[in-house]
Protein backbone atom coordinates (compact mmCIF):
# COMPACT_ATOMS: atom_id res chain seq x y z
CA UNK A 1 85.52 127.26 198.29
CA UNK A 2 85.78 130.34 200.48
CA UNK A 3 89.02 132.34 200.41
CA UNK A 4 88.65 134.36 203.60
CA UNK A 5 89.60 132.64 206.86
CA UNK A 6 86.35 133.56 208.62
CA UNK A 7 84.33 132.23 205.69
CA UNK A 8 86.31 128.96 205.73
CA UNK A 9 85.62 128.63 209.45
CA UNK A 10 81.91 129.34 208.93
CA UNK A 11 81.80 126.66 206.21
CA UNK A 12 83.41 124.14 208.58
CA UNK A 13 80.98 125.02 211.36
CA UNK A 14 77.99 124.82 209.03
CA UNK A 15 78.97 121.38 207.79
CA UNK A 16 79.53 120.09 211.32
CA UNK A 17 76.15 121.46 212.44
CA UNK A 18 74.42 120.00 209.34
CA UNK A 19 75.77 116.53 210.12
CA UNK A 20 74.75 116.81 213.78
CA UNK A 21 71.22 117.91 212.85
CA UNK A 22 70.98 115.08 210.31
CA UNK A 23 71.86 112.50 212.95
CA UNK A 24 69.25 113.88 215.35
CA UNK A 25 66.62 113.89 212.59
CA UNK A 26 67.51 110.28 211.78
CA UNK A 27 67.17 109.33 215.45
CA UNK A 28 63.71 110.95 215.47
CA UNK A 29 62.57 109.04 212.39
CA UNK A 30 63.85 105.75 213.82
CA UNK A 31 62.00 106.35 217.10
CA UNK A 32 58.72 107.02 215.28
CA UNK A 33 59.25 103.99 213.06
CA UNK A 34 59.84 101.75 216.09
CA UNK A 35 56.55 102.85 217.65
CA UNK A 36 54.70 102.17 214.39
CA UNK A 37 56.26 98.69 214.22
CA UNK A 38 55.15 97.96 217.79
CA UNK A 39 51.62 99.12 216.95
CA UNK A 40 51.50 96.89 213.87
CA UNK A 41 52.72 93.94 215.96
CA UNK A 42 49.61 94.40 218.11
CA UNK A 43 51.24 94.43 221.55
CA UNK A 44 49.78 97.43 223.37
CA UNK A 45 52.12 97.22 226.38
CA UNK A 46 55.21 97.06 224.18
CA UNK A 47 53.89 99.93 222.07
CA UNK A 48 53.35 102.04 225.19
CA UNK A 49 56.89 101.32 226.36
CA UNK A 50 58.44 102.23 223.02
CA UNK A 51 56.23 105.33 222.82
CA UNK A 52 57.61 106.65 226.12
CA UNK A 53 61.13 106.58 224.72
CA UNK A 54 60.03 108.03 221.40
CA UNK A 55 58.20 110.92 223.09
CA UNK A 56 61.42 111.79 224.89
CA UNK A 57 63.38 111.77 221.63
CA UNK A 58 60.71 113.86 219.88
CA UNK A 59 60.73 116.48 222.65
CA UNK A 60 64.53 116.57 222.70
CA UNK A 61 64.74 117.19 218.96
CA UNK A 62 62.06 119.90 219.18
CA UNK A 63 63.90 121.61 222.05
CA UNK A 64 66.97 121.88 219.81
CA UNK A 65 64.86 123.47 217.02
CA UNK A 66 65.57 120.60 214.61
CA UNK A 67 61.80 120.33 214.13
CA UNK A 68 59.03 122.75 215.11
CA UNK A 69 57.29 122.28 218.46
CA UNK A 70 53.92 121.84 216.71
CA UNK A 71 55.34 119.09 214.51
CA UNK A 72 56.62 117.33 217.62
CA UNK A 73 53.20 117.64 219.26
CA UNK A 74 51.53 116.30 216.11
CA UNK A 75 53.84 113.25 216.02
CA UNK A 76 53.19 112.46 219.68
CA UNK A 77 49.45 112.99 219.36
CA UNK A 78 49.06 110.72 216.35
CA UNK A 79 51.18 107.96 217.85
CA UNK A 80 49.26 108.14 221.14
CA UNK A 81 45.94 108.02 219.26
CA UNK A 82 47.11 104.99 217.29
CA UNK A 83 48.09 103.20 220.51
CA UNK A 84 44.78 104.12 222.14
CA UNK A 85 42.88 102.78 219.13
CA UNK A 86 44.47 99.36 219.62
CA UNK A 87 41.93 98.47 222.35
């Protein structure tokens, strides 16, 4: 454990930030998983609806630099292609 006050504070801040980032990353994974479940269920309208919400979550996480913008674009692109292929 750190002995200097500023180092202790930095450790506290780092841990708090790590937990916050972990929760956002978890939210992202859940959103993607929900879209995949809707696609597997075969309901295109439901999949589109869930995808709209997931795209918002993906963009939000990318804006906060939790994931890279290109990774966010790749997630959205692949999910959209999977939904489009349902027809």
